[in-house]
Amino acid sequence: MEKKIVLVTGGSSGIGRSVGNYLSEKGYKVYGTTRSLEKQQDFKDFRLLELDVRKPDTIQKALDRLLDEEGRLDVLINNAGVGITGPLEETPNEAILNAFETNFTGPLNLMKAVLPIMRRQGSGRVINITSIAGKMGLPYRGVYSASKGALDLATEALRLEVRDFGILISTLAPGDFKTNIAAGRFHAPLRPDSPYHAPYEATLKMINDHVDQAGDPVQVAEKVFAILRDPSPKVHYKVGSFMQRLSVVLKRLLPGKLYERLLRNHYKL
C-alpha cells in the first residue's frame, strides 16, 4: 500500500519530533518543518523543509517542494507554536501579536494552503495541536490560553465548512509533556515596581516544575496515530495526566466562580 504523506510543522524538536518519528515507524512518510534548516544540519530523523508559519511565502515554497517530490499531501499536523507567559497588563503588544501569529494565524495559513490540495485529492486529514491550557483562562498564561482557544473554535467552524470535501479536521489538546518549550518561551519583562513579581515568579516556577515532571511526548504521538486511524474522528481530543484531563471536564460542569476558586487554590493566588 502506498505510504501516506504527512507534514508536521515544528517537527525538529519536542512534540513535533516525537510525532514525526512515531508516524515514520508506523509506515507514514513524514516531512517536518523548521524555521532554519541551517540550524538543523545534524537532524537525521526525517526530511525537514524550511518554513515559518507566520510567512505564507515560505509555506507555499515548502509545499511546492513537497508536491514536486510526492505529488500529494495526505496529513497536516499543525504543531508549531510558541509559549508565552506574563501578566496581561504588562505583556508587550508585539509579543501578544507574535504569539497569535504563530499559534493561531500560523495554523490557519497552513490550512489555507493545503485545503485546495486536499480538495483536489478528494481526501485529507488535519490535526491542530492546541493545548489543555486553551480550554481555560490560566493566570499568567492568558495570551497562550487565548491563542490556543482561538484555534479550537476556528477548527470547529472549519470542520463545518469542509465536511463535503472529504477532509477530516480535529484538534488534539496536550497537557504538560517533557519538552524544551520552557527554553523557547517568551517571558514578559516586569516593570521594576510591578505588583505582579511575587505571584508571577511563584506561578512560573510551578509551570516549569510541571513540565520537568511531565510525561513522555510519545504519548501525544500515540494519540495522533489513533486519531488518524479513526475513519470518523471527533472534533476535539485531549492527552495528558488524569488531573489535566479532569480539569477540562470540571470547567464544563462547575459554576464559573467555583471553578475559579479551584484555580486560585491550585496556583495559590
Protein backbone atom coordinates (compact mmCIF):
# COMPACT_ATOMS: atom_id res chain seq x y z
CA MET A 1 0.00 0.00 0.00
CA GLU A 2 1.27 3.49 -0.87
CA LYS A 3 2.63 5.41 2.11
CA LYS A 4 0.60 8.35 3.37
CA ILE A 5 2.45 11.68 3.14
CA VAL A 6 2.49 13.71 6.37
CA LEU A 7 3.63 17.26 7.06
CA VAL A 8 4.39 18.13 10.71
CA THR A 9 5.07 21.79 11.45
CA GLY A 10 7.59 22.46 14.18
CA GLY A 11 8.96 18.99 13.54
CA SER A 12 12.58 19.49 14.59
CA SER A 13 12.03 19.21 18.36
CA GLY A 14 9.61 18.45 21.17
CA ILE A 15 6.17 17.10 20.39
CA GLY A 16 6.58 17.59 16.64
CA ARG A 17 9.73 15.48 16.53
CA SER A 18 8.08 12.73 18.61
CA VAL A 19 5.05 12.72 16.31
CA GLY A 20 7.23 12.60 13.20
CA ASN A 21 9.35 9.73 14.47
CA TYR A 22 6.37 7.72 15.67
CA LEU A 23 4.45 8.10 12.41
CA SER A 24 7.58 7.19 10.45
CA GLU A 25 7.81 3.97 12.47
CA LYS A 26 4.16 3.27 11.63
CA GLY A 27 4.78 3.47 7.88
CA TYR A 28 3.96 7.08 7.07
CA LYS A 29 6.37 9.20 5.01
CA VAL A 30 7.00 12.26 7.17
CA TYR A 31 8.18 15.75 6.31
CA GLY A 32 8.81 18.15 9.18
CA THR A 33 9.29 21.89 9.14
CA THR A 34 11.77 24.21 10.80
CA ARG A 35 12.30 27.94 10.56
CA SER A 36 16.02 27.44 9.83
CA LEU A 37 17.48 24.46 8.02
CA GLU A 38 20.95 25.85 8.68
CA LYS A 39 20.47 25.23 12.41
CA GLN A 40 19.29 21.64 11.82
CA GLN A 41 22.18 20.25 9.78
CA ASP A 42 22.60 17.32 12.18
CA PHE A 43 18.90 16.39 12.12
CA LYS A 44 18.52 12.94 10.52
CA ASP A 45 15.18 11.64 11.86
CA PHE A 46 13.13 12.55 8.77
CA ARG A 47 13.11 15.13 5.99
CA LEU A 48 12.88 18.78 7.08
CA LEU A 49 11.59 21.69 5.00
CA GLU A 50 12.26 25.33 5.83
CA LEU A 51 9.02 27.06 6.73
CA ASP A 52 7.84 29.85 9.03
CA VAL A 53 4.11 29.57 9.76
CA ARG A 54 3.91 33.38 10.04
CA LYS A 55 5.11 33.81 6.43
CA PRO A 56 2.79 32.47 3.69
CA ASP A 57 5.53 32.70 1.04
CA THR A 58 7.67 30.18 2.95
CA ILE A 59 4.63 27.91 3.33
CA GLN A 60 3.99 27.91 -0.40
CA LYS A 61 7.65 27.30 -1.20
CA ALA A 62 7.78 24.31 1.16
CA LEU A 63 4.54 22.86 -0.19
CA ASP A 64 5.76 23.26 -3.77
CA ARG A 65 8.88 21.30 -2.85
CA LEU A 66 6.86 18.57 -1.14
CA LEU A 67 4.42 18.25 -4.05
CA ASP A 68 7.26 18.15 -6.58
CA GLU A 69 8.67 15.16 -4.71
CA GLU A 70 5.49 13.34 -3.64
CA GLY A 71 2.62 14.65 -5.77
CA ARG A 72 0.21 14.67 -2.83
CA LEU A 73 -0.25 15.53 0.85
CA ASP A 74 -2.46 13.31 2.99
CA VAL A 75 -1.99 14.66 6.51
CA LEU A 76 -1.16 18.03 8.05
CA ILE A 77 -0.20 18.15 11.73
CA ASN A 78 -0.30 21.81 12.80
CA ASN A 79 2.11 21.61 15.71
CA ALA A 80 4.37 24.68 15.50
CA GLY A 81 3.76 27.05 18.37
CA VAL A 82 5.32 29.41 20.86
CA GLY A 83 4.96 29.63 24.62
CA ILE A 84 4.37 32.95 26.35
CA THR A 85 3.89 33.92 29.99
CA GLY A 86 3.37 37.12 31.88
CA PRO A 87 0.67 39.28 33.47
CA LEU A 88 -1.63 40.54 30.75
CA GLU A 89 -1.27 44.12 31.94
CA GLU A 90 2.49 44.10 31.32
CA THR A 91 2.82 41.83 28.28
CA PRO A 92 4.05 43.88 25.29
CA ASN A 93 1.64 44.09 22.37
CA GLU A 94 4.29 42.89 19.92
CA ALA A 95 4.74 39.72 21.97
CA ILE A 96 0.97 39.16 22.02
CA LEU A 97 0.77 39.61 18.26
CA ASN A 98 3.68 37.22 17.68
CA ALA A 99 2.02 34.56 19.84
CA PHE A 100 -1.22 34.84 17.90
CA GLU A 101 0.60 34.90 14.56
CA THR A 102 2.38 31.68 15.50
CA ASN A 103 -0.29 29.79 17.47
CA PHE A 104 -3.43 30.91 15.64
CA THR A 105 -2.83 32.69 12.33
CA GLY A 106 0.05 30.35 11.51
CA PRO A 107 -2.04 27.17 11.55
CA LEU A 108 -4.71 28.99 9.54
CA ASN A 109 -2.06 29.93 6.98
CA LEU A 110 -1.11 26.25 6.64
CA MET A 111 -4.72 25.12 6.29
CA LYS A 112 -5.46 27.79 3.69
CA ALA A 113 -2.53 26.46 1.68
CA VAL A 114 -3.26 22.72 1.99
CA LEU A 115 -7.05 22.68 1.71
CA PRO A 116 -7.03 23.21 -2.10
CA ILE A 117 -4.55 20.34 -2.41
CA MET A 118 -6.67 18.01 -0.31
CA ARG A 119 -9.85 19.10 -2.05
CA ARG A 120 -8.38 18.17 -5.42
CA GLN A 121 -7.41 14.79 -3.99
CA GLY A 122 -10.89 14.31 -2.51
CA SER A 123 -9.36 13.45 0.87
CA GLY A 124 -7.10 14.72 3.63
CA ARG A 125 -6.60 14.88 7.36
CA VAL A 126 -5.68 17.85 9.55
CA ILE A 127 -4.88 17.69 13.26
CA ASN A 128 -4.40 21.02 15.00
CA ILE A 129 -2.30 20.70 18.16
CA THR A 130 -3.90 23.07 20.66
CA SER A 131 -3.49 22.78 24.44
CA ILE A 132 -5.43 21.92 27.57
CA ALA A 133 -4.38 25.43 28.61
CA GLY A 134 -6.57 26.68 25.74
CA LYS A 135 -9.66 25.26 27.43
CA MET A 136 -9.49 27.77 30.30
CA GLY A 137 -8.01 31.16 31.15
CA LEU A 138 -4.91 30.40 33.21
CA PRO A 139 -3.14 33.06 35.30
CA TYR A 140 -0.02 34.48 33.68
CA ARG A 141 -0.71 32.37 30.60
CA GLY A 142 -3.68 34.36 29.35
CA VAL A 143 -2.21 35.10 25.91
CA TYR A 144 -1.19 31.47 25.37
CA SER A 145 -4.60 30.21 26.55
CA ALA A 146 -6.38 32.68 24.28
CA SER A 147 -4.33 31.83 21.18
CA LYS A 148 -4.86 28.08 21.60
CA GLY A 149 -8.53 28.54 22.48
CA ALA A 150 -9.00 30.56 19.31
CA LEU A 151 -7.60 27.69 17.26
CA ASP A 152 -10.04 25.32 18.95
CA LEU A 153 -13.02 27.45 17.86
CA ALA A 154 -11.69 28.07 14.35
CA THR A 155 -11.33 24.31 13.92
CA GLU A 156 -14.97 23.79 14.87
CA ALA A 157 -16.01 26.29 12.20
CA LEU A 158 -13.70 24.88 9.55
CA ARG A 159 -14.96 21.31 10.04
CA LEU A 160 -18.43 22.51 9.08
CA GLU A 161 -17.12 24.34 6.01
CA VAL A 162 -15.08 21.45 4.55
CA ARG A 163 -17.19 18.44 5.56
CA ASP A 164 -18.36 17.85 1.95
CA PHE A 165 -14.81 17.73 0.54
CA GLY A 166 -13.63 14.53 2.21
CA ILE A 167 -11.33 16.48 4.57
CA LEU A 168 -11.37 15.49 8.25
CA ILE A 169 -10.16 18.03 10.83
CA SER A 170 -9.71 17.64 14.59
CA THR A 171 -7.84 19.25 17.46
CA LEU A 172 -5.61 17.49 19.94
CA ALA A 173 -5.01 19.32 23.22
CA PRO A 174 -1.94 18.12 25.14
CA GLY A 175 -1.33 18.86 28.79
CA ASP A 176 2.21 19.14 30.13
CA PHE A 177 4.87 16.99 28.47
CA LYS A 178 8.62 16.94 28.89
CA THR A 179 9.86 19.10 26.02
CA ASN A 180 12.12 22.11 25.54
CA ILE A 181 9.17 24.54 25.45
CA ALA A 182 10.38 26.37 28.57
CA ALA A 183 13.70 27.25 26.88
CA GLY A 184 11.94 28.99 23.99
CA ARG A 185 9.08 30.54 25.92
CA PHE A 186 8.69 34.33 25.92
CA HIS A 187 8.55 35.80 29.44
CA ALA A 188 7.09 39.27 29.70
CA PRO A 189 9.62 41.59 31.38
CA LEU A 190 8.06 43.08 34.50
CA ARG A 191 8.37 46.70 35.47
CA PRO A 192 10.69 47.27 38.46
CA ASP A 193 7.71 48.44 40.52
CA SER A 194 5.37 45.72 39.21
CA PRO A 195 2.82 44.40 41.75
CA TYR A 196 2.99 41.00 40.00
CA HIS A 197 6.58 39.99 40.87
CA ALA A 198 5.86 37.53 43.69
CA PRO A 199 2.77 35.74 42.30
CA TYR A 200 4.21 35.61 38.77
CA GLU A 201 7.51 34.15 39.98
CA ALA A 202 5.69 31.50 42.02
CA THR A 203 3.37 30.61 39.15
CA LEU A 204 6.23 30.41 36.64
CA LYS A 205 8.12 28.05 38.95
CA MET A 206 5.03 25.85 39.20
CA ILE A 207 4.62 25.81 35.40
CA ASN A 208 8.26 24.83 34.86
CA ASP A 209 8.11 22.17 37.58
CA HIS A 210 5.08 20.62 35.88
CA VAL A 211 6.97 20.41 32.58
CA ASP A 212 10.06 18.93 34.24
CA GLN A 213 7.92 16.23 35.90
CA ALA A 214 5.70 15.62 32.89
CA GLY A 215 5.32 12.53 30.75
CA ASP A 216 6.98 11.47 27.52
CA PRO A 217 5.70 13.34 24.42
CA VAL A 218 5.45 9.98 22.65
CA GLN A 219 2.02 9.79 24.34
CA VAL A 220 0.94 12.68 22.10
CA ALA A 221 2.32 10.84 19.08
CA GLU A 222 0.36 7.72 20.00
CA LYS A 223 -2.82 9.79 20.23
CA VAL A 224 -2.15 11.39 16.85
CA PHE A 225 -1.77 7.92 15.32
CA ALA A 226 -5.04 6.77 16.92
CA ILE A 227 -6.88 9.80 15.53
CA LEU A 228 -5.51 9.18 12.03
CA ARG A 229 -6.72 5.59 12.16
CA ASP A 230 -10.26 6.65 13.15
CA PRO A 231 -12.43 6.86 9.98
CA SER A 232 -14.80 9.28 11.72
CA PRO A 233 -12.73 11.39 14.15
CA LYS A 234 -14.21 13.58 16.85
CA VAL A 235 -13.85 17.36 16.88
CA HIS A 236 -11.67 17.57 20.00
CA TYR A 237 -9.27 15.21 21.76
CA LYS A 238 -7.19 15.58 24.92
CA VAL A 239 -4.00 13.87 26.08
CA GLY A 240 -2.31 14.40 29.43
CA SER A 241 -2.43 13.41 33.07
CA PHE A 242 -5.71 12.41 34.68
CA MET A 243 -5.94 15.70 36.60
CA GLN A 244 -5.25 17.78 33.50
CA ARG A 245 -7.97 15.99 31.55
CA LEU A 246 -10.33 16.21 34.53
CA SER A 247 -9.81 19.97 34.70
CA VAL A 248 -11.47 20.32 31.29
CA VAL A 249 -14.47 18.29 32.40
CA LEU A 250 -14.80 20.30 35.63
CA LYS A 251 -14.67 23.56 33.65
CA ARG A 252 -17.72 22.36 31.73
CA LEU A 253 -19.64 21.11 34.75
CA LEU A 254 -18.94 23.52 37.61
CA PRO A 255 -20.30 27.04 38.14
CA GLY A 256 -17.79 29.64 36.94
CA LYS A 257 -16.95 31.08 40.37
CA LEU A 258 -16.43 27.64 41.89
CA TYR A 259 -14.07 26.65 39.08
CA GLU A 260 -12.23 29.94 39.51
CA ARG A 261 -11.80 29.15 43.21
CA LEU A 262 -10.23 25.80 42.31
CA LEU A 263 -7.74 27.55 40.04
CA ARG A 264 -6.91 30.13 42.71
CA ASN A 265 -6.27 27.39 45.23
CA HIS A 266 -4.13 25.44 42.77
CA TYR A 267 -1.97 28.46 41.92
CA LYS A 268 -2.10 29.82 45.49
CA LEU A 269 -3.45 33.16 44.33
